[in-house]
């Protein structure tokens, strides 16, 4: 599916059941390093939410796949996410908006979630040490951070140190023997998401 974004087309994949009131938007990793909405971690995040009866939207940031434009260091990608949420609000009017991101996608989520009035956050291997995080503080909405303890791209120590500075503490799950791309650990990733958000739905 193609929708209108700030700089042209945005390529979107939607899995939203009829009368679904909760929808999760999942943001993919860095566009300049092969990140797309078809990334296996992004796919598994979406499937975990779908398993909970939560609708999902995956999309390609500008310059990726059939989406127009070019990489904009997180600023333009934040506009892309805002365009997706605006479209969702008009077409589906969800009562709960979940925002999820993997790596670079988490950075975009952190830039946008307040303005977009997200209900819940999922940050997977958030790129804490690769982008300017000043001012990107968490709020009191339910937030889950999943990090591999052997991540070779995002420093697990940087993630835990960033969390320690937060006034509102998220739930942190550090998966053992797990690298950045969750090789052979995708089912553990799914199960972690399912357990946390199932409990939060009650």
C-alpha atoms as a PDB file:
ATOM      1  CA  UNK A   1       0.000   0.000   0.000  1.00  0.00           C
ATOM      2  CA  UNK A   2       1.145   3.554  -0.724  1.00  0.00           C
ATOM      3  CA  UNK A   3       0.013   6.575   1.305  1.00  0.00           C
ATOM      4  CA  UNK A   4       0.962  10.245   1.145  1.00  0.00           C
ATOM      5  CA  UNK A   5       3.909  11.329   3.275  1.00  0.00           C
ATOM      6  CA  UNK A   6       5.624  14.659   3.868  1.00  0.00           C
ATOM      7  CA  UNK A   7       7.878  14.254   0.802  1.00  0.00           C
ATOM      8  CA  UNK A   8       5.759  11.952  -1.338  1.00  0.00           C
ATOM      9  CA  UNK A   9       4.916   8.253  -1.234  1.00  0.00           C
ATOM     10  CA  UNK A  10       5.268   6.093   1.869  1.00  0.00           C
ATOM     11  CA  UNK A  11       5.197   2.332   1.420  1.00  0.00           C
ATOM     12  CA  UNK A  12       3.090   0.630   4.088  1.00  0.00           C
ATOM     13  CA  UNK A  13       2.161  -2.906   5.202  1.00  0.00           C
ATOM     14  CA  UNK A  14      -1.005  -3.129   7.284  1.00  0.00           C
ATOM     15  CA  UNK A  15      -2.365  -5.989   9.384  1.00  0.00           C
ATOM     16  CA  UNK A  16      -5.342  -4.550  11.241  1.00  0.00           C
ATOM     17  CA  UNK A  17      -8.347  -6.720  12.155  1.00  0.00           C
ATOM     18  CA  UNK A  18     -11.844  -5.309  11.756  1.00  0.00           C
ATOM     19  CA  UNK A  19     -12.906  -3.174  14.731  1.00  0.00           C
ATOM     20  CA  UNK A  20      -9.385  -3.245  16.182  1.00  0.00           C
ATOM     21  CA  UNK A  21      -8.981  -0.500  18.791  1.00  0.00           C
ATOM     22  CA  UNK A  22      -5.242  -0.905  19.498  1.00  0.00           C
ATOM     23  CA  UNK A  23      -2.651  -0.447  16.747  1.00  0.00           C
ATOM     24  CA  UNK A  24       1.148  -0.686  16.860  1.00  0.00           C
ATOM     25  CA  UNK A  25       3.385   1.149  14.390  1.00  0.00           C
ATOM     26  CA  UNK A  26       6.770  -0.560  14.006  1.00  0.00           C
ATOM     27  CA  UNK A  27       9.811   1.441  12.824  1.00  0.00           C
ATOM     28  CA  UNK A  28      12.705  -0.273  11.048  1.00  0.00           C
ATOM     29  CA  UNK A  29      16.492   0.025  11.525  1.00  0.00           C
ATOM     30  CA  UNK A  30      18.919   2.369   9.779  1.00  0.00           C
ATOM     31  CA  UNK A  31      18.057   2.918   6.082  1.00  0.00           C
ATOM     32  CA  UNK A  32      21.690   3.354   5.052  1.00  0.00           C
ATOM     33  CA  UNK A  33      22.625  -0.082   6.424  1.00  0.00           C
ATOM     34  CA  UNK A  34      19.905  -2.155   4.819  1.00  0.00           C
ATOM     35  CA  UNK A  35      17.066  -1.400   7.223  1.00  0.00           C
ATOM     36  CA  UNK A  36      13.570  -1.965   5.797  1.00  0.00           C
ATOM     37  CA  UNK A  37      10.098  -2.850   7.003  1.00  0.00           C
ATOM     38  CA  UNK A  38      10.865  -6.445   5.979  1.00  0.00           C
ATOM     39  CA  UNK A  39      13.707  -6.762   8.499  1.00  0.00           C
ATOM     40  CA  UNK A  40      13.235 -10.009  10.429  1.00  0.00           C
ATOM     41  CA  UNK A  41      13.234  -8.290  13.836  1.00  0.00           C
ATOM     42  CA  UNK A  42      10.638  -5.779  12.663  1.00  0.00           C
ATOM     43  CA  UNK A  43       8.570  -8.643  11.259  1.00  0.00           C
ATOM     44  CA  UNK A  44       8.732 -10.558  14.544  1.00  0.00           C
ATOM     45  CA  UNK A  45       7.760  -7.475  16.566  1.00  0.00           C
ATOM     46  CA  UNK A  46       4.685  -7.069  14.364  1.00  0.00           C
ATOM     47  CA  UNK A  47       3.797 -10.751  14.666  1.00  0.00           C
ATOM     48  CA  UNK A  48       4.048 -10.575  18.457  1.00  0.00           C
ATOM     49  CA  UNK A  49       1.575  -7.697  18.537  1.00  0.00           C
ATOM     50  CA  UNK A  50      -0.723  -9.425  16.054  1.00  0.00           C
ATOM     51  CA  UNK A  51      -0.754 -12.453  18.340  1.00  0.00           C
ATOM     52  CA  UNK A  52      -2.159 -10.233  21.076  1.00  0.00           C
ATOM     53  CA  UNK A  53      -4.963  -8.988  18.840  1.00  0.00           C
ATOM     54  CA  UNK A  54      -3.216  -5.670  18.261  1.00  0.00           C
ATOM     55  CA  UNK A  55      -3.210  -4.319  14.705  1.00  0.00           C
ATOM     56  CA  UNK A  56       0.146  -3.477  13.168  1.00  0.00           C
ATOM     57  CA  UNK A  57       1.599  -1.120  10.606  1.00  0.00           C
ATOM     58  CA  UNK A  58       5.078  -1.495   9.162  1.00  0.00           C
ATOM     59  CA  UNK A  59       6.390   1.082   6.721  1.00  0.00           C
ATOM     60  CA  UNK A  60       9.510   2.081   4.831  1.00  0.00           C
ATOM     61  CA  UNK A  61      11.136   5.349   5.807  1.00  0.00           C
ATOM     62  CA  UNK A  62      11.809   7.871   3.046  1.00  0.00           C
ATOM     63  CA  UNK A  63      14.240   6.626   0.429  1.00  0.00           C
ATOM     64  CA  UNK A  64      13.636   2.953   1.227  1.00  0.00           C
ATOM     65  CA  UNK A  65      11.758   0.590  -1.085  1.00  0.00           C
ATOM     66  CA  UNK A  66       8.929   2.467  -2.766  1.00  0.00           C
ATOM     67  CA  UNK A  67       8.989   5.384  -0.306  1.00  0.00           C
ATOM     68  CA  UNK A  68       9.973   8.741  -1.787  1.00  0.00           C
ATOM     69  CA  UNK A  69      12.797  10.998  -0.617  1.00  0.00           C
ATOM     70  CA  UNK A  70      16.193  10.350   0.919  1.00  0.00           C
ATOM     71  CA  UNK A  71      17.673   9.644   4.337  1.00  0.00           C
ATOM     72  CA  UNK A  72      17.360  12.608   6.718  1.00  0.00           C
ATOM     73  CA  UNK A  73      19.244  11.583   9.895  1.00  0.00           C
ATOM     74  CA  UNK A  74      16.089  10.933  11.891  1.00  0.00           C
ATOM     75  CA  UNK A  75      14.424  14.303  11.393  1.00  0.00           C
ATOM     76  CA  UNK A  76      12.609  13.510   8.166  1.00  0.00           C
ATOM     77  CA  UNK A  77      11.970   9.970   9.372  1.00  0.00           C
ATOM     78  CA  UNK A  78      10.158  11.459  12.366  1.00  0.00           C
ATOM     79  CA  UNK A  79       7.942  13.296   9.874  1.00  0.00           C
ATOM     80  CA  UNK A  80       7.333   9.975   8.118  1.00  0.00           C
ATOM     81  CA  UNK A  81       6.171   8.385  11.364  1.00  0.00           C
ATOM     82  CA  UNK A  82       3.911  11.361  12.073  1.00  0.00           C
ATOM     83  CA  UNK A  83       2.357  10.994   8.608  1.00  0.00           C
ATOM     84  CA  UNK A  84       1.672   7.297   9.278  1.00  0.00           C
ATOM     85  CA  UNK A  85      -0.005   8.054  12.612  1.00  0.00           C
ATOM     86  CA  UNK A  86      -2.066  10.882  11.109  1.00  0.00           C
ATOM     87  CA  UNK A  87      -3.273   8.489   8.408  1.00  0.00           C
ATOM     88  CA  UNK A  88      -4.067   5.842  11.036  1.00  0.00           C
ATOM     89  CA  UNK A  89      -6.040   8.295  13.150  1.00  0.00           C
ATOM     90  CA  UNK A  90      -8.116   9.353  10.164  1.00  0.00           C
ATOM     91  CA  UNK A  91      -8.736   5.870   8.793  1.00  0.00           C
ATOM     92  CA  UNK A  92      -8.928   3.704  11.923  1.00  0.00           C
ATOM     93  CA  UNK A  93      -9.184   6.078  14.919  1.00  0.00           C
ATOM     94  CA  UNK A  94      -7.407   3.709  17.342  1.00  0.00           C
ATOM     95  CA  UNK A  95      -8.043   4.223  21.038  1.00  0.00           C
ATOM     96  CA  UNK A  96      -4.530   2.985  21.864  1.00  0.00           C
ATOM     97  CA  UNK A  97      -1.397   3.745  19.862  1.00  0.00           C
ATOM     98  CA  UNK A  98       1.659   1.576  20.421  1.00  0.00           C
ATOM     99  CA  UNK A  99       4.963   2.756  18.960  1.00  0.00           C
ATOM    100  CA  UNK A 100       7.776   0.253  18.480  1.00  0.00           C
ATOM    101  CA  UNK A 101      11.231   0.633  17.013  1.00  0.00           C
ATOM    102  CA  UNK A 102      14.291  -1.483  16.361  1.00  0.00           C
ATOM    103  CA  UNK A 103      17.715   0.208  16.608  1.00  0.00           C
ATOM    104  CA  UNK A 104      17.484   3.456  14.556  1.00  0.00           C
ATOM    105  CA  UNK A 105      13.718   2.964  14.603  1.00  0.00           C
ATOM    106  CA  UNK A 106      13.767   3.352  18.394  1.00  0.00           C
ATOM    107  CA  UNK A 107      15.493   6.714  18.008  1.00  0.00           C
ATOM    108  CA  UNK A 108      12.690   7.882  15.721  1.00  0.00           C
ATOM    109  CA  UNK A 109      10.080   6.600  18.195  1.00  0.00           C
ATOM    110  CA  UNK A 110      11.745   8.490  21.046  1.00  0.00           C
ATOM    111  CA  UNK A 111      11.750  11.684  18.984  1.00  0.00           C
ATOM    112  CA  UNK A 112       8.056  11.388  18.172  1.00  0.00           C
ATOM    113  CA  UNK A 113       6.099   9.579  20.856  1.00  0.00           C
ATOM    114  CA  UNK A 114       5.067  12.573  22.969  1.00  0.00           C
ATOM    115  CA  UNK A 115       3.695  14.608  20.071  1.00  0.00           C
ATOM    116  CA  UNK A 116       1.949  11.537  18.674  1.00  0.00           C
ATOM    117  CA  UNK A 117       0.363  10.756  22.057  1.00  0.00           C
ATOM    118  CA  UNK A 118       1.509   7.146  22.170  1.00  0.00           C
ATOM    119  CA  UNK A 119      -0.066   4.908  24.809  1.00  0.00           C
ATOM    120  CA  UNK A 120       2.812   2.396  25.048  1.00  0.00           C
ATOM    121  CA  UNK A 121       6.375   2.025  23.788  1.00  0.00           C
ATOM    122  CA  UNK A 122       8.621  -0.843  22.731  1.00  0.00           C
ATOM    123  CA  UNK A 123      12.319  -0.092  22.173  1.00  0.00           C
ATOM    124  CA  UNK A 124      14.390  -2.992  20.811  1.00  0.00           C
ATOM    125  CA  UNK A 125      18.170  -2.527  20.851  1.00  0.00           C
ATOM    126  CA  UNK A 126      17.679   1.260  20.975  1.00  0.00           C
ATOM    127  CA  UNK A 127      20.559   3.132  19.328  1.00  0.00           C
ATOM    128  CA  UNK A 128      21.308   5.125  22.470  1.00  0.00           C
ATOM    129  CA  UNK A 129      24.998   5.687  21.757  1.00  0.00           C
ATOM    130  CA  UNK A 130      24.674   6.499  18.058  1.00  0.00           C
ATOM    131  CA  UNK A 131      22.370   9.531  18.043  1.00  0.00           C
ATOM    132  CA  UNK A 132      21.838  12.683  20.080  1.00  0.00           C
ATOM    133  CA  UNK A 133      19.581  11.590  22.912  1.00  0.00           C
ATOM    134  CA  UNK A 134      19.553  14.827  24.933  1.00  0.00           C
ATOM    135  CA  UNK A 135      15.995  15.707  25.810  1.00  0.00           C
ATOM    136  CA  UNK A 136      14.564  12.382  24.666  1.00  0.00           C
ATOM    137  CA  UNK A 137      13.253  11.378  28.069  1.00  0.00           C
ATOM    138  CA  UNK A 138      10.692   8.680  28.750  1.00  0.00           C
ATOM    139  CA  UNK A 139       7.334   9.459  30.314  1.00  0.00           C
ATOM    140  CA  UNK A 140       5.062   7.432  32.589  1.00  0.00           C
ATOM    141  CA  UNK A 141       3.486   5.356  29.807  1.00  0.00           C
ATOM    142  CA  UNK A 142       4.261   1.608  29.872  1.00  0.00           C
ATOM    143  CA  UNK A 143       7.620   1.105  28.149  1.00  0.00           C
ATOM    144  CA  UNK A 144       9.562  -2.073  27.434  1.00  0.00           C
ATOM    145  CA  UNK A 145      13.230  -2.089  26.408  1.00  0.00           C
ATOM    146  CA  UNK A 146      14.683  -5.330  25.015  1.00  0.00           C
ATOM    147  CA  UNK A 147      18.455  -5.520  24.613  1.00  0.00           C
ATOM    148  CA  UNK A 148      20.878  -8.282  23.731  1.00  0.00           C
ATOM    149  CA  UNK A 149      23.763  -8.546  26.182  1.00  0.00           C
ATOM    150  CA  UNK A 150      26.210  -9.346  23.358  1.00  0.00           C
ATOM    151  CA  UNK A 151      25.033  -6.592  20.989  1.00  0.00           C
ATOM    152  CA  UNK A 152      27.932  -5.731  18.698  1.00  0.00           C
ATOM    153  CA  UNK A 153      26.380  -2.497  17.367  1.00  0.00           C
ATOM    154  CA  UNK A 154      24.511  -0.897  20.273  1.00  0.00           C
ATOM    155  CA  UNK A 155      26.371  -0.912  23.589  1.00  0.00           C
ATOM    156  CA  UNK A 156      24.363  -2.770  26.257  1.00  0.00           C
ATOM    157  CA  UNK A 157      26.173  -0.679  28.879  1.00  0.00           C
ATOM    158  CA  UNK A 158      25.119   2.545  27.161  1.00  0.00           C
ATOM    159  CA  UNK A 159      21.508   1.356  27.164  1.00  0.00           C
ATOM    160  CA  UNK A 160      21.534   0.507  30.867  1.00  0.00           C
ATOM    161  CA  UNK A 161      23.265   3.793  31.710  1.00  0.00           C
ATOM    162  CA  UNK A 162      20.694   5.761  29.716  1.00  0.00           C
ATOM    163  CA  UNK A 163      17.861   3.952  31.475  1.00  0.00           C
ATOM    164  CA  UNK A 164      19.437   4.786  34.842  1.00  0.00           C
ATOM    165  CA  UNK A 165      19.119   8.503  34.045  1.00  0.00           C
ATOM    166  CA  UNK A 166      15.397   8.283  33.382  1.00  0.00           C
ATOM    167  CA  UNK A 167      12.887   9.668  35.856  1.00  0.00           C
ATOM    168  CA  UNK A 168      10.337   7.173  34.583  1.00  0.00           C
ATOM    169  CA  UNK A 169      11.955   3.761  34.501  1.00  0.00           C
ATOM    170  CA  UNK A 170      11.036   1.341  31.722  1.00  0.00           C
ATOM    171  CA  UNK A 171      10.997  -2.421  32.024  1.00  0.00           C
ATOM    172  CA  UNK A 172      14.365  -3.693  30.778  1.00  0.00           C
ATOM    173  CA  UNK A 173      14.840  -7.253  29.546  1.00  0.00           C
ATOM    174  CA  UNK A 174      18.462  -8.134  28.785  1.00  0.00           C
ATOM    175  CA  UNK A 175      18.492 -11.292  26.659  1.00  0.00           C
ATOM    176  CA  UNK A 176      21.558 -13.491  27.275  1.00  0.00           C
ATOM    177  CA  UNK A 177      23.853 -14.641  24.469  1.00  0.00           C
ATOM    178  CA  UNK A 178      22.079 -12.287  22.063  1.00  0.00           C
ATOM    179  CA  UNK A 179      23.552  -9.990  19.413  1.00  0.00           C
ATOM    180  CA  UNK A 180      22.096  -6.974  17.671  1.00  0.00           C
ATOM    181  CA  UNK A 181      20.103  -8.870  15.061  1.00  0.00           C
ATOM    182  CA  UNK A 182      18.726 -11.502  17.466  1.00  0.00           C
ATOM    183  CA  UNK A 183      20.081 -14.417  15.432  1.00  0.00           C
ATOM    184  CA  UNK A 184      18.499 -17.630  16.753  1.00  0.00           C
ATOM    185  CA  UNK A 185      16.728 -15.520  19.400  1.00  0.00           C
ATOM    186  CA  UNK A 186      13.684 -14.250  17.535  1.00  0.00           C
ATOM    187  CA  UNK A 187      11.298 -16.526  19.423  1.00  0.00           C
ATOM    188  CA  UNK A 188      12.645 -15.230  22.742  1.00  0.00           C
ATOM    189  CA  UNK A 189      12.118 -11.707  21.446  1.00  0.00           C
ATOM    190  CA  UNK A 190       8.528 -12.521  20.502  1.00  0.00           C
ATOM    191  CA  UNK A 191       7.812 -14.232  23.818  1.00  0.00           C
ATOM    192  CA  UNK A 192       9.224 -11.288  25.794  1.00  0.00           C
ATOM    193  CA  UNK A 193       7.004  -8.844  23.922  1.00  0.00           C
ATOM    194  CA  UNK A 194       3.965 -11.081  24.281  1.00  0.00           C
ATOM    195  CA  UNK A 195       4.394 -11.567  28.027  1.00  0.00           C
ATOM    196  CA  UNK A 196       4.904  -7.881  28.824  1.00  0.00           C
ATOM    197  CA  UNK A 197       2.120  -6.462  26.699  1.00  0.00           C
ATOM    198  CA  UNK A 198      -0.327  -9.263  27.549  1.00  0.00           C
ATOM    199  CA  UNK A 199       0.046  -8.364  31.213  1.00  0.00           C
ATOM    200  CA  UNK A 200      -0.303  -4.646  30.441  1.00  0.00           C
ATOM    201  CA  UNK A 201      -3.551  -5.284  28.545  1.00  0.00           C
ATOM    202  CA  UNK A 202      -5.229  -6.667  31.672  1.00  0.00           C
END
